[in-house]
């Protein structure tokens, strides 16, 4: 399987552009100069991004015809949500979600 050169170039160009935008923002706007409202909003950015990724993944995983797979996806979400509520830690939540996905992937369906 070979990747078309155009696709590879596009991915690399977008990655470089993303890095330049992030680096520019960090270098030009020091954290101590941010308005309090913006600094406070940035604390909610990671959980919001994680929630949006999860929502997209779940909407693609939920299928009426495949109830077992849907229940597994929802089970993983319950595990991650429980850990999030109990620990209030993004790190532990992500790790619990990854572990739950591994268990689901490595457990054969009966």
N, C-alpha and C. Protein backbone atom coordinates (compact mmCIF):
# COMPACT_ATOMS: atom_id res chain seq x y z
N UNK A 1 0.85 -1.18 0.00
CA UNK A 1 0.00 0.00 0.00
C UNK A 1 0.89 1.24 0.00
N UNK A 2 0.73 2.07 -1.00
CA UNK A 2 1.52 3.29 -1.05
C UNK A 2 0.61 4.50 -0.90
N UNK A 3 1.12 5.49 -0.24
CA UNK A 3 0.36 6.72 0.00
C UNK A 3 0.68 7.69 -1.13
N UNK A 4 -0.34 8.25 -1.77
CA UNK A 4 -0.08 9.23 -2.83
C UNK A 4 0.73 10.42 -2.29
N UNK A 5 1.65 10.89 -3.10
CA UNK A 5 2.52 11.99 -2.69
C UNK A 5 1.70 13.24 -2.35
N UNK A 6 0.64 13.49 -3.08
CA UNK A 6 -0.19 14.67 -2.82
C UNK A 6 -0.82 14.61 -1.43
N UNK A 7 -1.29 13.41 -1.06
CA UNK A 7 -1.91 13.25 0.26
C UNK A 7 -0.89 13.45 1.37
N UNK A 8 0.28 12.88 1.20
CA UNK A 8 1.34 13.04 2.19
C UNK A 8 1.75 14.49 2.31
N UNK A 9 1.88 15.16 1.18
CA UNK A 9 2.26 16.59 1.19
C UNK A 9 1.18 17.42 1.89
N UNK A 10 -0.08 17.11 1.66
CA UNK A 10 -1.16 17.85 2.30
C UNK A 10 -1.15 17.66 3.81
N UNK A 11 -0.94 16.43 4.25
CA UNK A 11 -0.90 16.14 5.69
C UNK A 11 0.28 16.87 6.34
N UNK A 12 1.43 16.80 5.71
CA UNK A 12 2.61 17.48 6.25
C UNK A 12 2.42 19.00 6.27
N UNK A 13 1.86 19.56 5.20
CA UNK A 13 1.63 21.00 5.15
C UNK A 13 0.64 21.44 6.23
N UNK A 14 -0.43 20.69 6.41
CA UNK A 14 -1.41 21.03 7.44
C UNK A 14 -0.81 20.90 8.84
N UNK A 15 -0.01 19.86 9.05
CA UNK A 15 0.66 19.69 10.34
C UNK A 15 1.60 20.85 10.63
N UNK A 16 2.37 21.26 9.64
CA UNK A 16 3.28 22.40 9.81
C UNK A 16 2.51 23.68 10.08
N UNK A 17 1.43 23.90 9.35
CA UNK A 17 0.61 25.09 9.57
C UNK A 17 0.03 25.11 10.98
N UNK A 18 -0.45 23.96 11.44
CA UNK A 18 -1.00 23.86 12.80
C UNK A 18 0.07 24.18 13.83
N UNK A 19 1.26 23.63 13.64
CA UNK A 19 2.36 23.88 14.58
C UNK A 19 2.75 25.35 14.57
N UNK A 20 2.83 25.98 13.39
CA UNK A 20 3.19 27.40 13.30
C UNK A 20 2.16 28.26 14.01
N UNK A 21 0.89 27.97 13.80
CA UNK A 21 -0.16 28.75 14.47
C UNK A 21 -0.07 28.61 15.99
N UNK A 22 0.16 27.42 16.48
CA UNK A 22 0.28 27.22 17.93
C UNK A 22 1.52 27.91 18.48
N UNK A 23 2.64 27.73 17.81
CA UNK A 23 3.88 28.33 18.29
C UNK A 23 3.79 29.85 18.26
N UNK A 24 3.20 30.40 17.23
CA UNK A 24 3.05 31.85 17.13
C UNK A 24 2.19 32.38 18.27
N UNK A 25 1.10 31.71 18.55
CA UNK A 25 0.22 32.16 19.63
C UNK A 25 0.94 32.11 20.97
N UNK A 26 1.67 31.04 21.21
CA UNK A 26 2.38 30.89 22.48
C UNK A 26 3.49 31.94 22.61
N UNK A 27 4.20 32.20 21.53
CA UNK A 27 5.31 33.15 21.58
C UNK A 27 4.86 34.60 21.63
N UNK A 28 3.77 34.93 20.94
CA UNK A 28 3.33 36.32 20.87
C UNK A 28 2.41 36.73 22.01
N UNK A 29 1.72 35.78 22.60
CA UNK A 29 0.77 36.11 23.67
C UNK A 29 1.15 35.31 24.91
N UNK A 30 1.96 35.88 25.78
CA UNK A 30 2.32 35.17 27.01
C UNK A 30 1.09 34.91 27.89
N UNK A 31 1.13 33.83 28.64
CA UNK A 31 -0.02 33.42 29.45
C UNK A 31 -0.39 34.48 30.48
N UNK A 32 0.57 35.21 31.00
CA UNK A 32 0.25 36.21 32.03
C UNK A 32 -0.41 37.45 31.45
N UNK A 33 -0.44 37.58 30.14
CA UNK A 33 -1.09 38.73 29.51
C UNK A 33 -2.51 38.45 29.04
N UNK A 34 -2.92 37.21 29.14
CA UNK A 34 -4.28 36.85 28.71
C UNK A 34 -5.30 37.45 29.66
N UNK A 35 -6.41 37.93 29.14
CA UNK A 35 -7.49 38.38 30.02
C UNK A 35 -7.97 37.22 30.89
N UNK A 36 -8.45 37.52 32.07
CA UNK A 36 -8.88 36.49 33.02
C UNK A 36 -9.96 35.58 32.42
N UNK A 37 -10.87 36.18 31.66
CA UNK A 37 -11.95 35.39 31.06
C UNK A 37 -11.39 34.36 30.07
N UNK A 38 -10.40 34.76 29.27
CA UNK A 38 -9.80 33.85 28.30
C UNK A 38 -9.03 32.75 29.02
N UNK A 39 -8.25 33.11 30.03
CA UNK A 39 -7.49 32.12 30.78
C UNK A 39 -8.42 31.11 31.44
N UNK A 40 -9.53 31.59 31.96
CA UNK A 40 -10.50 30.69 32.60
C UNK A 40 -11.15 29.78 31.56
N UNK A 41 -11.44 30.32 30.38
CA UNK A 41 -12.07 29.53 29.32
C UNK A 41 -11.13 28.44 28.81
N UNK A 42 -9.83 28.71 28.81
CA UNK A 42 -8.86 27.74 28.33
C UNK A 42 -8.82 26.49 29.21
N UNK A 43 -9.21 26.62 30.46
CA UNK A 43 -9.26 25.45 31.34
C UNK A 43 -10.33 24.46 30.90
N UNK A 44 -11.33 24.95 30.17
CA UNK A 44 -12.42 24.09 29.71
C UNK A 44 -12.19 23.56 28.30
N UNK A 45 -11.09 23.98 27.67
CA UNK A 45 -10.84 23.60 26.29
C UNK A 45 -10.58 22.10 26.12
N UNK A 46 -9.72 21.53 26.93
CA UNK A 46 -9.39 20.10 26.79
C UNK A 46 -10.61 19.20 27.02
N UNK A 47 -11.38 19.41 28.10
CA UNK A 47 -12.58 18.57 28.25
C UNK A 47 -13.58 18.75 27.12
N UNK A 48 -13.71 19.96 26.60
CA UNK A 48 -14.64 20.19 25.50
C UNK A 48 -14.18 19.48 24.23
N UNK A 49 -12.88 19.54 23.96
CA UNK A 49 -12.34 18.85 22.79
C UNK A 49 -12.51 17.34 22.93
N UNK A 50 -12.24 16.81 24.11
CA UNK A 50 -12.40 15.38 24.34
C UNK A 50 -13.87 14.97 24.18
N UNK A 51 -14.77 15.77 24.71
CA UNK A 51 -16.20 15.46 24.58
C UNK A 51 -16.65 15.48 23.12
N UNK A 52 -16.13 16.40 22.33
CA UNK A 52 -16.53 16.45 20.92
C UNK A 52 -16.00 15.24 20.16
N UNK A 53 -14.77 14.82 20.47
CA UNK A 53 -14.22 13.62 19.81
C UNK A 53 -15.05 12.40 20.18
N UNK A 54 -15.40 12.28 21.45
CA UNK A 54 -16.20 11.14 21.92
C UNK A 54 -17.57 11.15 21.26
N UNK A 55 -18.19 12.32 21.15
CA UNK A 55 -19.52 12.41 20.54
C UNK A 55 -19.49 11.96 19.08
N UNK A 56 -18.46 12.37 18.36
CA UNK A 56 -18.34 11.97 16.95
C UNK A 56 -18.12 10.47 16.85
N UNK A 57 -17.24 9.93 17.69
CA UNK A 57 -16.98 8.49 17.66
C UNK A 57 -18.22 7.68 18.01
N UNK A 58 -18.96 8.13 19.03
CA UNK A 58 -20.17 7.39 19.42
C UNK A 58 -21.25 7.47 18.36
N UNK A 59 -21.40 8.61 17.73
CA UNK A 59 -22.43 8.72 16.71
C UNK A 59 -22.13 7.80 15.53
N UNK A 60 -20.85 7.55 15.26
CA UNK A 60 -20.49 6.62 14.20
C UNK A 60 -20.56 5.17 14.63
N UNK A 61 -20.46 4.92 15.93
CA UNK A 61 -20.44 3.54 16.44
C UNK A 61 -21.84 2.99 16.71
N UNK A 62 -22.80 3.87 16.92
CA UNK A 62 -24.14 3.42 17.28
C UNK A 62 -24.90 3.03 16.01
N UNK A 63 -25.21 1.75 15.91
CA UNK A 63 -25.97 1.23 14.78
C UNK A 63 -27.08 0.33 15.30
N UNK A 64 -28.25 0.51 14.76
CA UNK A 64 -29.39 -0.28 15.19
C UNK A 64 -29.18 -1.75 14.84
N UNK A 65 -28.53 -2.02 13.72
CA UNK A 65 -28.36 -3.41 13.27
C UNK A 65 -27.31 -4.17 14.08
N UNK A 66 -26.40 -3.47 14.75
CA UNK A 66 -25.33 -4.13 15.50
C UNK A 66 -25.43 -3.75 16.97
N UNK A 67 -26.34 -4.38 17.66
CA UNK A 67 -26.62 -4.05 19.06
C UNK A 67 -25.45 -4.37 19.97
N UNK A 68 -24.73 -5.45 19.73
CA UNK A 68 -23.60 -5.82 20.59
C UNK A 68 -22.51 -4.77 20.56
N UNK A 69 -22.17 -4.31 19.37
CA UNK A 69 -21.13 -3.28 19.23
C UNK A 69 -21.58 -1.97 19.88
N UNK A 70 -22.84 -1.64 19.71
CA UNK A 70 -23.38 -0.42 20.32
C UNK A 70 -23.31 -0.50 21.84
N UNK A 71 -23.66 -1.64 22.39
CA UNK A 71 -23.61 -1.81 23.85
C UNK A 71 -22.17 -1.75 24.36
N UNK A 72 -21.23 -2.29 23.60
CA UNK A 72 -19.82 -2.20 23.99
C UNK A 72 -19.36 -0.74 24.01
N UNK A 73 -19.74 0.01 23.00
CA UNK A 73 -19.35 1.43 22.94
C UNK A 73 -19.94 2.20 24.12
N UNK A 74 -21.19 1.92 24.41
CA UNK A 74 -21.83 2.60 25.55
C UNK A 74 -21.20 2.16 26.87
N UNK A 75 -20.79 0.89 26.97
CA UNK A 75 -20.11 0.41 28.17
C UNK A 75 -18.79 1.13 28.39
N UNK A 76 -18.05 1.34 27.33
CA UNK A 76 -16.79 2.09 27.43
C UNK A 76 -17.07 3.51 27.91
N UNK A 77 -18.13 4.10 27.40
CA UNK A 77 -18.48 5.46 27.82
C UNK A 77 -18.87 5.50 29.30
N UNK A 78 -19.58 4.50 29.76
CA UNK A 78 -19.97 4.45 31.17
C UNK A 78 -18.73 4.34 32.06
N UNK A 79 -17.77 3.51 31.65
CA UNK A 79 -16.53 3.37 32.42
C UNK A 79 -15.81 4.71 32.49
N UNK A 80 -15.63 5.35 31.34
CA UNK A 80 -14.92 6.64 31.31
C UNK A 80 -15.66 7.71 32.10
N UNK A 81 -16.98 7.76 31.97
CA UNK A 81 -17.76 8.76 32.70
C UNK A 81 -17.69 8.53 34.21
N UNK A 82 -17.73 7.28 34.62
CA UNK A 82 -17.64 6.97 36.05
C UNK A 82 -16.29 7.40 36.61
N UNK A 83 -15.21 7.09 35.89
CA UNK A 83 -13.89 7.51 36.34
C UNK A 83 -13.78 9.03 36.36
N UNK A 84 -14.36 9.70 35.38
CA UNK A 84 -14.33 11.17 35.34
C UNK A 84 -15.04 11.77 36.54
N UNK A 85 -16.19 11.22 36.88
CA UNK A 85 -16.95 11.75 38.01
C UNK A 85 -16.24 11.48 39.33
N UNK A 86 -15.67 10.29 39.47
CA UNK A 86 -15.02 9.93 40.73
C UNK A 86 -13.67 10.63 40.94
N UNK A 87 -12.89 10.78 39.87
CA UNK A 87 -11.54 11.32 40.04
C UNK A 87 -11.40 12.79 39.66
N UNK A 88 -12.27 13.27 38.81
CA UNK A 88 -12.16 14.64 38.29
C UNK A 88 -10.80 14.87 37.62
N UNK A 89 -10.27 13.82 37.01
CA UNK A 89 -8.95 13.89 36.38
C UNK A 89 -9.07 13.48 34.91
N UNK A 90 -8.61 14.36 34.04
CA UNK A 90 -8.63 14.06 32.60
C UNK A 90 -7.71 12.88 32.30
N UNK A 91 -6.56 12.83 32.96
CA UNK A 91 -5.60 11.76 32.72
C UNK A 91 -6.19 10.40 33.05
N UNK A 92 -6.77 10.27 34.25
CA UNK A 92 -7.35 8.99 34.64
C UNK A 92 -8.55 8.62 33.78
N UNK A 93 -9.31 9.62 33.36
CA UNK A 93 -10.47 9.36 32.49
C UNK A 93 -10.03 8.79 31.15
N UNK A 94 -9.02 9.42 30.55
CA UNK A 94 -8.53 8.95 29.26
C UNK A 94 -7.91 7.56 29.39
N UNK A 95 -7.13 7.35 30.44
CA UNK A 95 -6.52 6.04 30.65
C UNK A 95 -7.58 4.95 30.87
N UNK A 96 -8.61 5.27 31.64
CA UNK A 96 -9.68 4.30 31.86
C UNK A 96 -10.42 4.00 30.56
N UNK A 97 -10.64 5.01 29.75
CA UNK A 97 -11.29 4.80 28.45
C UNK A 97 -10.45 3.93 27.53
N UNK A 98 -9.14 4.19 27.50
CA UNK A 98 -8.25 3.39 26.67
C UNK A 98 -8.24 1.94 27.14
N UNK A 99 -8.16 1.75 28.45
CA UNK A 99 -8.16 0.40 29.00
C UNK A 99 -9.47 -0.32 28.68
N UNK A 100 -10.59 0.39 28.80
CA UNK A 100 -11.89 -0.22 28.49
C UNK A 100 -11.98 -0.60 27.02
N UNK A 101 -11.47 0.25 26.14
CA UNK A 101 -11.47 -0.07 24.71
C UNK A 101 -10.61 -1.30 24.43
N UNK A 102 -9.45 -1.37 25.09
CA UNK A 102 -8.59 -2.55 24.91
C UNK A 102 -9.29 -3.83 25.37
N UNK A 103 -9.95 -3.75 26.51
CA UNK A 103 -10.67 -4.93 27.01
C UNK A 103 -11.76 -5.34 26.02
N UNK A 104 -12.50 -4.36 25.51
CA UNK A 104 -13.56 -4.66 24.55
C UNK A 104 -12.98 -5.25 23.27
N UNK A 105 -11.88 -4.67 22.78
CA UNK A 105 -11.27 -5.15 21.54
C UNK A 105 -10.66 -6.54 21.68
N UNK A 106 -10.13 -6.84 22.86
CA UNK A 106 -9.45 -8.12 23.04
C UNK A 106 -10.39 -9.24 23.51
N UNK A 107 -11.61 -8.87 23.88
CA UNK A 107 -12.59 -9.87 24.32
C UNK A 107 -13.43 -10.29 23.11
N UNK A 108 -13.39 -11.57 22.75
CA UNK A 108 -14.17 -12.01 21.60
C UNK A 108 -15.68 -11.98 21.90
N UNK A 109 -16.44 -11.58 20.91
CA UNK A 109 -17.91 -11.60 21.07
C UNK A 109 -18.40 -13.04 20.97
N UNK A 110 -19.33 -13.36 21.86
CA UNK A 110 -19.86 -14.74 21.87
C UNK A 110 -20.84 -14.99 20.85
